[in-house]
Every structure is written in structure tokens, then in C-alpha cells.
Amino acid sequence: MKIVFTTKGNSWESMMDPRFGRSEMFLVYDDEADILEEVSNSETEAMQHGVGMQTSKKMINLKADVVITGNGAGGNALGILRNTGIKLYMGAGDMSVRETYDAFKNGNLKAQY
């Protein structure tokens, strides 16, 4: 399973970014291969509209099964994720990536849909 975290850094100790579309970066964890990969989200900095939809499309390209963020996604972005079967969990805004992963594995995060 590929899990994408919205984050402010590039390690397990990095703090989560509560934003979905304008997250500073993403950490992609492939739990089967035990590989953690960082992906920049800098292209959204200059965008004024459609950031959530653009980020949702990026999740498709990353082949995400699950996305975990702080505050959730907006309606249009959520629609894209829902239609492609990508699960979105929220409530991780004040945690590190490692704490978030543990909370997810223990069923302590809220599914947005």
C-alpha cells in the first residue's frame, strides 16, 4: 500500500502540513517495500485556483492508496479522490509523520469520506 503524507519536511520526524493542496511536500511510504520517498509540491505555490484538483491528480500519478493530511481536502479535490478510490484521512495536523503513521495503523485518524 502507498500512503502519502502532507508534510513540511522529508523524514519520519518532520511535522505534518495541515494543508492538502498547498502542502510544502509529500512523503510517499510504500509499506510493502519499506521505502520512503519525498515529492515536492512547489508547483502549487504560484497557482491561484485549482490547487486541490491539481494535487488530487498528483496523488493519482503517485499511485496513492491512502492520503493523510491535517485539515482534509475541498469538495472538488475530494470528488477526484473518491472517484479514483484513494482514501483520505485527516486530523494529523499537529503530529510528526511517524506519529501520524502510528495513528493511522491504530485506527485513530478520521476518514474524510
N, C-alpha and C. Protein backbone atom coordinates (compact mmCIF):
# COMPACT_ATOMS: atom_id res chain seq x y z
N MET A 1 0.85 -1.18 0.00
CA MET A 1 0.00 0.00 0.00
C MET A 1 0.89 1.23 0.00
N LYS A 2 0.52 2.23 -0.80
CA LYS A 2 1.23 3.50 -0.82
C LYS A 2 0.43 4.53 -0.03
N ILE A 3 1.09 5.11 0.96
CA ILE A 3 0.49 6.12 1.81
C ILE A 3 1.21 7.43 1.56
N VAL A 4 0.46 8.49 1.25
CA VAL A 4 1.04 9.81 1.02
C VAL A 4 0.71 10.70 2.20
N PHE A 5 1.74 11.32 2.77
CA PHE A 5 1.59 12.24 3.89
C PHE A 5 1.84 13.66 3.39
N THR A 6 0.98 14.62 3.77
CA THR A 6 1.26 16.04 3.51
C THR A 6 2.19 16.50 4.62
N THR A 7 3.36 17.01 4.26
CA THR A 7 4.38 17.27 5.28
C THR A 7 5.17 18.54 5.02
N LYS A 8 5.86 18.98 6.07
CA LYS A 8 6.72 20.16 5.99
C LYS A 8 8.19 19.78 5.90
N GLY A 9 8.49 18.52 5.76
CA GLY A 9 9.88 18.08 5.69
C GLY A 9 10.00 16.75 4.98
N ASN A 10 11.19 16.15 5.08
CA ASN A 10 11.46 14.97 4.27
C ASN A 10 11.83 13.73 5.08
N SER A 11 11.39 13.67 6.35
CA SER A 11 11.73 12.50 7.16
C SER A 11 10.56 12.09 8.05
N TRP A 12 10.71 10.95 8.71
CA TRP A 12 9.68 10.47 9.62
C TRP A 12 9.46 11.45 10.78
N GLU A 13 10.49 12.22 11.12
CA GLU A 13 10.38 13.16 12.24
C GLU A 13 9.80 14.51 11.83
N SER A 14 9.61 14.74 10.53
CA SER A 14 9.04 16.00 10.04
C SER A 14 7.62 16.17 10.53
N MET A 15 7.22 17.41 10.70
CA MET A 15 5.85 17.71 11.10
C MET A 15 4.93 17.63 9.88
N MET A 16 3.73 17.20 10.13
CA MET A 16 2.72 17.15 9.08
C MET A 16 2.34 18.58 8.68
N ASP A 17 1.99 18.76 7.42
CA ASP A 17 1.44 20.02 6.93
C ASP A 17 -0.08 19.84 6.96
N PRO A 18 -0.81 20.72 7.66
CA PRO A 18 -2.25 20.53 7.76
C PRO A 18 -2.97 20.76 6.43
N ARG A 19 -2.29 21.39 5.48
CA ARG A 19 -2.92 21.69 4.19
C ARG A 19 -2.79 20.51 3.24
N PHE A 20 -3.79 20.35 2.38
CA PHE A 20 -3.73 19.31 1.36
C PHE A 20 -3.13 19.89 0.08
N GLY A 21 -3.83 20.78 -0.58
CA GLY A 21 -3.40 21.29 -1.88
C GLY A 21 -2.12 22.08 -1.84
N ARG A 22 -1.92 22.85 -0.82
CA ARG A 22 -0.74 23.70 -0.72
C ARG A 22 0.33 23.16 0.24
N SER A 23 0.26 21.88 0.49
CA SER A 23 1.28 21.25 1.33
C SER A 23 2.66 21.53 0.76
N GLU A 24 3.65 21.75 1.63
CA GLU A 24 5.00 22.03 1.16
C GLU A 24 5.55 20.87 0.34
N MET A 25 5.32 19.66 0.83
CA MET A 25 5.80 18.49 0.10
C MET A 25 5.01 17.27 0.53
N PHE A 26 5.30 16.17 -0.08
CA PHE A 26 4.66 14.90 0.24
C PHE A 26 5.73 13.87 0.53
N LEU A 27 5.45 13.03 1.50
CA LEU A 27 6.25 11.84 1.72
C LEU A 27 5.39 10.65 1.32
N VAL A 28 5.93 9.82 0.46
CA VAL A 28 5.22 8.65 -0.03
C VAL A 28 5.87 7.43 0.60
N TYR A 29 5.08 6.68 1.36
CA TYR A 29 5.60 5.48 2.01
C TYR A 29 4.97 4.25 1.39
N ASP A 30 5.82 3.41 0.82
CA ASP A 30 5.38 2.12 0.30
C ASP A 30 5.63 1.12 1.42
N ASP A 31 4.58 0.73 2.11
CA ASP A 31 4.76 -0.12 3.29
C ASP A 31 5.14 -1.56 2.94
N GLU A 32 4.91 -1.99 1.72
CA GLU A 32 5.31 -3.33 1.31
C GLU A 32 6.81 -3.40 1.04
N ALA A 33 7.35 -2.35 0.40
CA ALA A 33 8.77 -2.31 0.09
C ALA A 33 9.58 -1.59 1.17
N ASP A 34 8.90 -0.97 2.13
CA ASP A 34 9.52 -0.18 3.21
C ASP A 34 10.42 0.92 2.64
N ILE A 35 9.84 1.67 1.68
CA ILE A 35 10.56 2.77 1.03
C ILE A 35 9.81 4.07 1.29
N LEU A 36 10.55 5.10 1.72
CA LEU A 36 10.01 6.43 1.95
C LEU A 36 10.61 7.37 0.91
N GLU A 37 9.76 8.04 0.14
CA GLU A 37 10.20 8.90 -0.96
C GLU A 37 9.62 10.28 -0.77
N GLU A 38 10.41 11.32 -1.02
CA GLU A 38 9.90 12.68 -0.94
C GLU A 38 9.54 13.20 -2.32
N VAL A 39 8.45 13.98 -2.36
CA VAL A 39 7.96 14.55 -3.62
C VAL A 39 7.62 16.02 -3.35
N SER A 40 8.19 16.90 -4.14
CA SER A 40 7.94 18.33 -3.99
C SER A 40 6.53 18.70 -4.45
N ASN A 41 6.01 19.74 -3.85
CA ASN A 41 4.71 20.28 -4.28
C ASN A 41 4.86 21.76 -4.61
N SER A 42 6.06 22.17 -4.99
CA SER A 42 6.36 23.59 -5.20
C SER A 42 5.59 24.21 -6.36
N GLU A 43 5.12 23.39 -7.30
CA GLU A 43 4.41 23.96 -8.45
C GLU A 43 3.08 24.62 -8.06
N THR A 44 2.56 24.31 -6.89
CA THR A 44 1.28 24.90 -6.49
C THR A 44 1.44 26.29 -5.87
N GLU A 45 2.66 26.69 -5.55
CA GLU A 45 2.89 27.99 -4.91
C GLU A 45 2.36 29.15 -5.74
N ALA A 46 2.52 29.10 -7.04
CA ALA A 46 2.12 30.20 -7.91
C ALA A 46 0.67 30.11 -8.37
N MET A 47 0.03 28.99 -8.10
CA MET A 47 -1.35 28.80 -8.56
C MET A 47 -2.33 29.57 -7.68
N GLN A 48 -3.32 30.19 -8.31
CA GLN A 48 -4.34 30.90 -7.55
C GLN A 48 -5.60 30.07 -7.38
N HIS A 49 -5.89 29.21 -8.35
CA HIS A 49 -7.11 28.40 -8.32
C HIS A 49 -6.80 26.97 -8.76
N GLY A 50 -7.61 26.05 -8.31
CA GLY A 50 -7.50 24.67 -8.76
C GLY A 50 -6.38 23.87 -8.10
N VAL A 51 -5.86 24.38 -7.00
CA VAL A 51 -4.73 23.71 -6.35
C VAL A 51 -5.12 22.32 -5.84
N GLY A 52 -6.26 22.22 -5.20
CA GLY A 52 -6.70 20.93 -4.68
C GLY A 52 -6.90 19.90 -5.77
N MET A 53 -7.49 20.32 -6.88
CA MET A 53 -7.70 19.39 -8.00
C MET A 53 -6.36 18.96 -8.58
N GLN A 54 -5.42 19.90 -8.72
CA GLN A 54 -4.10 19.58 -9.25
C GLN A 54 -3.39 18.58 -8.32
N THR A 55 -3.51 18.81 -7.02
CA THR A 55 -2.88 17.91 -6.06
C THR A 55 -3.53 16.54 -6.08
N SER A 56 -4.83 16.48 -6.25
CA SER A 56 -5.51 15.18 -6.36
C SER A 56 -5.01 14.40 -7.56
N LYS A 57 -4.79 15.08 -8.66
CA LYS A 57 -4.26 14.42 -9.85
C LYS A 57 -2.84 13.91 -9.59
N LYS A 58 -2.09 14.66 -8.79
CA LYS A 58 -0.74 14.22 -8.43
C LYS A 58 -0.82 12.93 -7.60
N MET A 59 -1.82 12.82 -6.74
CA MET A 59 -1.99 11.61 -5.93
C MET A 59 -2.26 10.39 -6.83
N ILE A 60 -3.02 10.62 -7.90
CA ILE A 60 -3.28 9.55 -8.87
C ILE A 60 -1.97 9.13 -9.53
N ASN A 61 -1.17 10.12 -9.96
CA ASN A 61 0.10 9.82 -10.62
C ASN A 61 1.07 9.10 -9.69
N LEU A 62 0.99 9.40 -8.38
CA LEU A 62 1.85 8.75 -7.40
C LEU A 62 1.35 7.34 -7.04
N LYS A 63 0.17 6.99 -7.57
CA LYS A 63 -0.46 5.69 -7.30
C LYS A 63 -0.74 5.50 -5.81
N ALA A 64 -1.23 6.58 -5.18
CA ALA A 64 -1.55 6.53 -3.75
C ALA A 64 -2.77 5.67 -3.50
N ASP A 65 -2.72 4.92 -2.42
CA ASP A 65 -3.89 4.19 -1.94
C ASP A 65 -4.57 5.00 -0.84
N VAL A 66 -3.75 5.71 -0.06
CA VAL A 66 -4.22 6.49 1.08
C VAL A 66 -3.47 7.81 1.09
N VAL A 67 -4.19 8.91 1.40
CA VAL A 67 -3.57 10.21 1.63
C VAL A 67 -3.94 10.62 3.05
N ILE A 68 -2.93 11.12 3.79
CA ILE A 68 -3.17 11.58 5.16
C ILE A 68 -2.72 13.02 5.27
N THR A 69 -3.62 13.86 5.80
CA THR A 69 -3.36 15.29 5.91
C THR A 69 -3.93 15.81 7.23
N GLY A 70 -3.82 17.10 7.42
CA GLY A 70 -4.33 17.69 8.65
C GLY A 70 -5.79 18.07 8.59
N ASN A 71 -6.12 18.97 7.68
CA ASN A 71 -7.47 19.55 7.64
C ASN A 71 -8.39 18.97 6.59
N GLY A 72 -7.94 18.05 5.79
CA GLY A 72 -8.79 17.48 4.75
C GLY A 72 -8.67 18.23 3.44
N ALA A 73 -9.47 17.84 2.49
CA ALA A 73 -9.45 18.43 1.14
C ALA A 73 -10.79 19.09 0.85
N GLY A 74 -10.79 20.02 -0.09
CA GLY A 74 -12.01 20.67 -0.52
C GLY A 74 -12.86 19.75 -1.38
N GLY A 75 -14.06 20.20 -1.69
CA GLY A 75 -15.04 19.38 -2.40
C GLY A 75 -14.60 18.84 -3.74
N ASN A 76 -14.01 19.69 -4.59
CA ASN A 76 -13.59 19.22 -5.91
C ASN A 76 -12.46 18.20 -5.81
N ALA A 77 -11.49 18.49 -4.96
CA ALA A 77 -10.37 17.56 -4.77
C ALA A 77 -10.86 16.25 -4.18
N LEU A 78 -11.75 16.34 -3.22
CA LEU A 78 -12.29 15.14 -2.58
C LEU A 78 -13.06 14.28 -3.59
N GLY A 79 -13.78 14.94 -4.50
CA GLY A 79 -14.51 14.21 -5.53
C GLY A 79 -13.58 13.40 -6.42
N ILE A 80 -12.44 13.98 -6.78
CA ILE A 80 -11.47 13.26 -7.61
C ILE A 80 -10.92 12.06 -6.85
N LEU A 81 -10.55 12.28 -5.60
CA LEU A 81 -10.00 11.17 -4.80
C LEU A 81 -11.03 10.06 -4.63
N ARG A 82 -12.23 10.44 -4.32
CA ARG A 82 -13.30 9.45 -4.11
C ARG A 82 -13.53 8.64 -5.38
N ASN A 83 -13.58 9.33 -6.54
CA ASN A 83 -13.84 8.64 -7.81
C ASN A 83 -12.72 7.69 -8.22
N THR A 84 -11.53 7.92 -7.71
CA THR A 84 -10.41 7.05 -8.07
C THR A 84 -10.10 6.02 -6.99
N GLY A 85 -10.86 6.04 -5.90
CA GLY A 85 -10.69 5.05 -4.84
C GLY A 85 -9.59 5.35 -3.85
N ILE A 86 -9.02 6.55 -3.90
CA ILE A 86 -7.98 6.93 -2.94
C ILE A 86 -8.65 7.39 -1.65
N LYS A 87 -8.31 6.75 -0.55
CA LYS A 87 -8.88 7.09 0.75
C LYS A 87 -8.16 8.30 1.34
N LEU A 88 -8.92 9.21 1.96
CA LEU A 88 -8.33 10.41 2.56
C LEU A 88 -8.63 10.42 4.06
N TYR A 89 -7.57 10.54 4.84
CA TYR A 89 -7.69 10.63 6.29
C TYR A 89 -7.19 11.99 6.74
N MET A 90 -7.80 12.52 7.79
CA MET A 90 -7.41 13.84 8.28
C MET A 90 -7.29 13.82 9.80
N GLY A 91 -6.84 14.95 10.33
CA GLY A 91 -6.69 15.08 11.78
C GLY A 91 -5.26 14.92 12.25
N ALA A 92 -4.31 15.01 11.34
CA ALA A 92 -2.90 14.79 11.69
C ALA A 92 -2.09 16.07 11.66
N GLY A 93 -2.73 17.22 11.81
CA GLY A 93 -2.04 18.50 11.67
C GLY A 93 -0.97 18.80 12.69
N ASP A 94 -1.08 18.25 13.89
CA ASP A 94 -0.12 18.55 14.96
C ASP A 94 0.80 17.38 15.28
N MET A 95 1.00 16.49 14.34
CA MET A 95 1.81 15.30 14.58
C MET A 95 3.01 15.26 13.65
N SER A 96 3.99 14.44 14.03
CA SER A 96 5.08 14.13 13.10
C SER A 96 4.56 13.07 12.12
N VAL A 97 5.31 12.84 11.08
CA VAL A 97 4.91 11.82 10.12
C VAL A 97 4.87 10.45 10.80
N ARG A 98 5.85 10.15 11.64
CA ARG A 98 5.87 8.86 12.35
C ARG A 98 4.65 8.71 13.26
N GLU A 99 4.31 9.76 14.01
CA GLU A 99 3.14 9.72 14.88
C GLU A 99 1.87 9.52 14.06
N THR A 100 1.82 10.17 12.91
CA THR A 100 0.67 10.05 12.03
C THR A 100 0.53 8.64 11.50
N TYR A 101 1.64 8.04 11.09
CA TYR A 101 1.61 6.66 10.59
C TYR A 101 1.10 5.72 11.68
N ASP A 102 1.61 5.90 12.89
CA ASP A 102 1.17 5.06 14.01
C ASP A 102 -0.32 5.25 14.29
N ALA A 103 -0.77 6.51 14.26
CA ALA A 103 -2.20 6.80 14.49
C ALA A 103 -3.06 6.15 13.40
N PHE A 104 -2.61 6.20 12.16
CA PHE A 104 -3.33 5.58 11.05
C PHE A 104 -3.41 4.06 11.26
N LYS A 105 -2.28 3.44 11.56
CA LYS A 105 -2.25 2.00 11.74
C LYS A 105 -3.14 1.55 12.91
N ASN A 106 -3.27 2.41 13.92
CA ASN A 106 -4.09 2.08 15.09
C ASN A 106 -5.54 2.52 14.94
N GLY A 107 -5.91 3.06 13.77
CA GLY A 107 -7.30 3.46 13.52
C GLY A 107 -7.72 4.72 14.24
N ASN A 108 -6.76 5.61 14.52
CA ASN A 108 -7.05 6.82 15.28
C ASN A 108 -7.19 8.09 14.44
N LEU A 109 -7.26 7.96 13.13
CA LEU A 109 -7.48 9.13 12.26
C LEU A 109 -8.87 9.05 11.66
N LYS A 110 -9.42 10.20 11.35
CA LYS A 110 -10.77 10.28 10.80
C LYS A 110 -10.73 10.22 9.28
N ALA A 111 -11.52 9.33 8.69
CA ALA A 111 -11.65 9.28 7.23
C ALA A 111 -12.53 10.46 6.79
N GLN A 112 -12.12 11.18 5.76
CA GLN A 112 -12.92 12.32 5.30
C GLN A 112 -14.14 11.83 4.52
N TYR A 113 -14.09 10.68 3.95
CA TYR A 113 -15.26 10.09 3.28
C TYR A 113 -15.28 8.62 3.47
